[in-house]
Amino acid sequence: MTTYLINHLRIPGGVPNEKGLAYLEQVQATTEPYGGRWLVLDAEVHVVEGAWPGSAVLIEFPDMAKAKAWYNSAEYKQIRNLRTDSTINDLILVDAVGPGFTVAGYAQQIRAAAQTGG
């Protein structure tokens, strides 16, 4: 099942510093062996509800195991501090919904679980 990395990214001062630029120059090479595909990078967001200061990063991985393996890889650990020392991040890994998923069907599952007490 496809997994997405979502990063709520804030760059102090709005422009990457030297560490941030060094990270950008190296990070894609660390994601490629794990099937990482960059979909969004430092994109301007258009807030329609709530607040979202900063920008967004979205990377697609084939599955959760590959995403976690990349994040914990020796190659990524060598450069991760370049990002964390120069930007503010809220970073998550999340699985996509499966084939045939519907929101109404999800609601029905919750109703059925509530009726059976579990």
C-alpha atoms as a PDB file:
ATOM      1  CA  MET A   1       0.000   0.000   0.000  1.00  0.00           C
ATOM      2  CA  THR A   2       1.373   3.412  -0.940  1.00  0.00           C
ATOM      3  CA  THR A   3       2.750   5.493   1.928  1.00  0.00           C
ATOM      4  CA  TYR A   4       3.195   9.240   1.926  1.00  0.00           C
ATOM      5  CA  LEU A   5       5.651  11.367   3.837  1.00  0.00           C
ATOM      6  CA  ILE A   6       4.079  14.733   4.618  1.00  0.00           C
ATOM      7  CA  ASN A   7       6.217  17.526   6.008  1.00  0.00           C
ATOM      8  CA  HIS A   8       4.761  20.802   7.253  1.00  0.00           C
ATOM      9  CA  LEU A   9       7.901  22.824   6.559  1.00  0.00           C
ATOM     10  CA  ARG A  10       8.864  26.223   7.920  1.00  0.00           C
ATOM     11  CA  ILE A  11      12.123  27.851   6.818  1.00  0.00           C
ATOM     12  CA  PRO A  12      13.246  30.596   9.206  1.00  0.00           C
ATOM     13  CA  GLY A  13      13.734  33.762   7.166  1.00  0.00           C
ATOM     14  CA  GLY A  14      11.985  32.149   4.186  1.00  0.00           C
ATOM     15  CA  VAL A  15      15.228  31.220   2.366  1.00  0.00           C
ATOM     16  CA  PRO A  16      17.235  28.021   2.982  1.00  0.00           C
ATOM     17  CA  ASN A  17      20.590  28.560   4.683  1.00  0.00           C
ATOM     18  CA  GLU A  18      23.777  26.709   3.729  1.00  0.00           C
ATOM     19  CA  LYS A  19      22.792  23.591   5.720  1.00  0.00           C
ATOM     20  CA  GLY A  20      19.371  23.589   4.095  1.00  0.00           C
ATOM     21  CA  LEU A  21      20.877  23.875   0.635  1.00  0.00           C
ATOM     22  CA  ALA A  22      23.357  21.065   1.358  1.00  0.00           C
ATOM     23  CA  TYR A  23      20.412  18.904   2.457  1.00  0.00           C
ATOM     24  CA  LEU A  24      18.501  19.662  -0.729  1.00  0.00           C
ATOM     25  CA  GLU A  25      21.515  18.758  -2.848  1.00  0.00           C
ATOM     26  CA  GLN A  26      21.812  15.325  -1.204  1.00  0.00           C
ATOM     27  CA  VAL A  27      18.380  14.139  -0.075  1.00  0.00           C
ATOM     28  CA  GLN A  28      16.920  12.839  -3.344  1.00  0.00           C
ATOM     29  CA  ALA A  29      19.766  10.347  -3.727  1.00  0.00           C
ATOM     30  CA  THR A  30      18.789   8.870  -0.345  1.00  0.00           C
ATOM     31  CA  THR A  31      15.119   8.376  -1.274  1.00  0.00           C
ATOM     32  CA  GLU A  32      15.600   6.796  -4.692  1.00  0.00           C
ATOM     33  CA  PRO A  33      16.831   3.348  -3.492  1.00  0.00           C
ATOM     34  CA  TYR A  34      13.620   3.077  -1.436  1.00  0.00           C
ATOM     35  CA  GLY A  35      11.299   4.008  -4.297  1.00  0.00           C
ATOM     36  CA  GLY A  36      10.741   7.542  -3.004  1.00  0.00           C
ATOM     37  CA  ARG A  37       9.069   9.817  -5.528  1.00  0.00           C
ATOM     38  CA  TRP A  38       8.954  13.561  -4.885  1.00  0.00           C
ATOM     39  CA  LEU A  39       5.480  14.972  -5.501  1.00  0.00           C
ATOM     40  CA  VAL A  40       5.655  18.357  -3.724  1.00  0.00           C
ATOM     41  CA  LEU A  41       8.669  20.332  -2.500  1.00  0.00           C
ATOM     42  CA  ASP A  42       8.472  23.601  -0.579  1.00  0.00           C
ATOM     43  CA  ALA A  43       5.194  24.360  -2.322  1.00  0.00           C
ATOM     44  CA  GLU A  44       3.150  27.376  -1.404  1.00  0.00           C
ATOM     45  CA  VAL A  45      -0.010  26.308   0.336  1.00  0.00           C
ATOM     46  CA  HIS A  46      -3.394  27.933  -0.069  1.00  0.00           C
ATOM     47  CA  VAL A  47      -5.074  27.732   3.320  1.00  0.00           C
ATOM     48  CA  VAL A  48      -8.836  27.347   3.107  1.00  0.00           C
ATOM     49  CA  GLU A  49      -9.427  26.516   6.787  1.00  0.00           C
ATOM     50  CA  GLY A  50      -7.314  26.964   9.902  1.00  0.00           C
ATOM     51  CA  ALA A  51      -3.692  28.015   9.768  1.00  0.00           C
ATOM     52  CA  TRP A  52      -0.673  26.580   7.982  1.00  0.00           C
ATOM     53  CA  PRO A  53       2.342  28.825   8.235  1.00  0.00           C
ATOM     54  CA  GLY A  54       5.058  27.612   5.910  1.00  0.00           C
ATOM     55  CA  SER A  55       5.006  25.220   2.993  1.00  0.00           C
ATOM     56  CA  ALA A  56       4.573  21.524   2.240  1.00  0.00           C
ATOM     57  CA  VAL A  57       6.671  18.567   1.141  1.00  0.00           C
ATOM     58  CA  LEU A  58       5.082  15.338  -0.128  1.00  0.00           C
ATOM     59  CA  ILE A  59       7.038  12.189  -0.975  1.00  0.00           C
ATOM     60  CA  GLU A  60       5.439   8.933  -2.119  1.00  0.00           C
ATOM     61  CA  PHE A  61       6.929   5.550  -1.140  1.00  0.00           C
ATOM     62  CA  PRO A  62       5.792   2.108  -2.313  1.00  0.00           C
ATOM     63  CA  ASP A  63       4.830   1.121   1.258  1.00  0.00           C
ATOM     64  CA  MET A  64       5.378   1.890   4.952  1.00  0.00           C
ATOM     65  CA  ALA A  65       8.299  -0.530   5.250  1.00  0.00           C
ATOM     66  CA  LYS A  66      10.220   1.268   2.482  1.00  0.00           C
ATOM     67  CA  ALA A  67       9.423   4.692   3.941  1.00  0.00           C
ATOM     68  CA  LYS A  68      10.640   3.676   7.407  1.00  0.00           C
ATOM     69  CA  ALA A  69      13.697   1.959   5.945  1.00  0.00           C
ATOM     70  CA  TRP A  70      14.618   5.190   4.123  1.00  0.00           C
ATOM     71  CA  TYR A  71      14.063   7.373   7.201  1.00  0.00           C
ATOM     72  CA  ASN A  72      16.205   5.060   9.344  1.00  0.00           C
ATOM     73  CA  SER A  73      18.853   4.393   6.677  1.00  0.00           C
ATOM     74  CA  ALA A  74      22.498   5.219   7.338  1.00  0.00           C
ATOM     75  CA  GLU A  75      22.539   7.432   4.240  1.00  0.00           C
ATOM     76  CA  TYR A  76      19.632   9.553   5.407  1.00  0.00           C
ATOM     77  CA  LYS A  77      20.835   9.711   9.015  1.00  0.00           C
ATOM     78  CA  GLN A  78      24.075  11.269   7.726  1.00  0.00           C
ATOM     79  CA  ILE A  79      22.212  14.288   6.343  1.00  0.00           C
ATOM     80  CA  ARG A  80      19.028  14.464   8.448  1.00  0.00           C
ATOM     81  CA  ASN A  81      20.546  16.993  10.856  1.00  0.00           C
ATOM     82  CA  LEU A  82      21.080  19.399   7.939  1.00  0.00           C
ATOM     83  CA  ARG A  83      17.285  19.627   7.709  1.00  0.00           C
ATOM     84  CA  THR A  84      16.444  19.519  11.399  1.00  0.00           C
ATOM     85  CA  ASP A  85      19.090  22.109  12.319  1.00  0.00           C
ATOM     86  CA  SER A  86      17.919  24.602   9.707  1.00  0.00           C
ATOM     87  CA  THR A  87      14.141  24.227   9.426  1.00  0.00           C
ATOM     88  CA  ILE A  88      11.054  23.614  11.546  1.00  0.00           C
ATOM     89  CA  ASN A  89       9.249  20.428  10.565  1.00  0.00           C
ATOM     90  CA  ASP A  90       6.183  18.397  11.423  1.00  0.00           C
ATOM     91  CA  LEU A  91       6.850  15.166   9.556  1.00  0.00           C
ATOM     92  CA  ILE A  92       4.527  12.168   9.311  1.00  0.00           C
ATOM     93  CA  LEU A  93       4.290   8.895   7.387  1.00  0.00           C
ATOM     94  CA  VAL A  94       0.763   7.853   6.445  1.00  0.00           C
ATOM     95  CA  ASP A  95      -0.673   5.013   4.377  1.00  0.00           C
ATOM     96  CA  ALA A  96      -3.030   5.699   1.512  1.00  0.00           C
ATOM     97  CA  VAL A  97      -6.504   4.196   1.586  1.00  0.00           C
ATOM     98  CA  GLY A  98      -6.782   0.820  -0.079  1.00  0.00           C
ATOM     99  CA  PRO A  99      -8.455  -0.139  -3.343  1.00  0.00           C
ATOM    100  CA  GLY A 100     -12.211   0.132  -3.296  1.00  0.00           C
ATOM    101  CA  PHE A 101     -12.223   2.524  -0.328  1.00  0.00           C
ATOM    102  CA  THR A 102     -15.190   4.828   0.055  1.00  0.00           C
ATOM    103  CA  VAL A 103     -15.842   7.358   2.789  1.00  0.00           C
ATOM    104  CA  ALA A 104     -19.428   6.127   3.098  1.00  0.00           C
ATOM    105  CA  GLY A 105     -18.165   2.570   3.505  1.00  0.00           C
ATOM    106  CA  TYR A 106     -15.799   3.741   6.231  1.00  0.00           C
ATOM    107  CA  ALA A 107     -18.730   5.376   8.037  1.00  0.00           C
ATOM    108  CA  GLN A 108     -20.694   2.115   7.760  1.00  0.00           C
ATOM    109  CA  GLN A 109     -17.791   0.195   9.355  1.00  0.00           C
ATOM    110  CA  ILE A 110     -17.787   2.604  12.281  1.00  0.00           C
ATOM    111  CA  ARG A 111     -21.577   2.279  12.676  1.00  0.00           C
ATOM    112  CA  ALA A 112     -21.328  -1.514  12.635  1.00  0.00           C
ATOM    113  CA  ALA A 113     -18.509  -1.526  15.198  1.00  0.00           C
ATOM    114  CA  ALA A 114     -20.452   0.849  17.464  1.00  0.00           C
ATOM    115  CA  GLN A 115     -23.538  -1.394  17.302  1.00  0.00           C
ATOM    116  CA  THR A 116     -21.552  -4.487  18.276  1.00  0.00           C
ATOM    117  CA  GLY A 117     -19.645  -2.638  20.982  1.00  0.00           C
ATOM    118  CA  GLY A 118     -16.256  -3.019  19.458  1.00  0.00           C
END
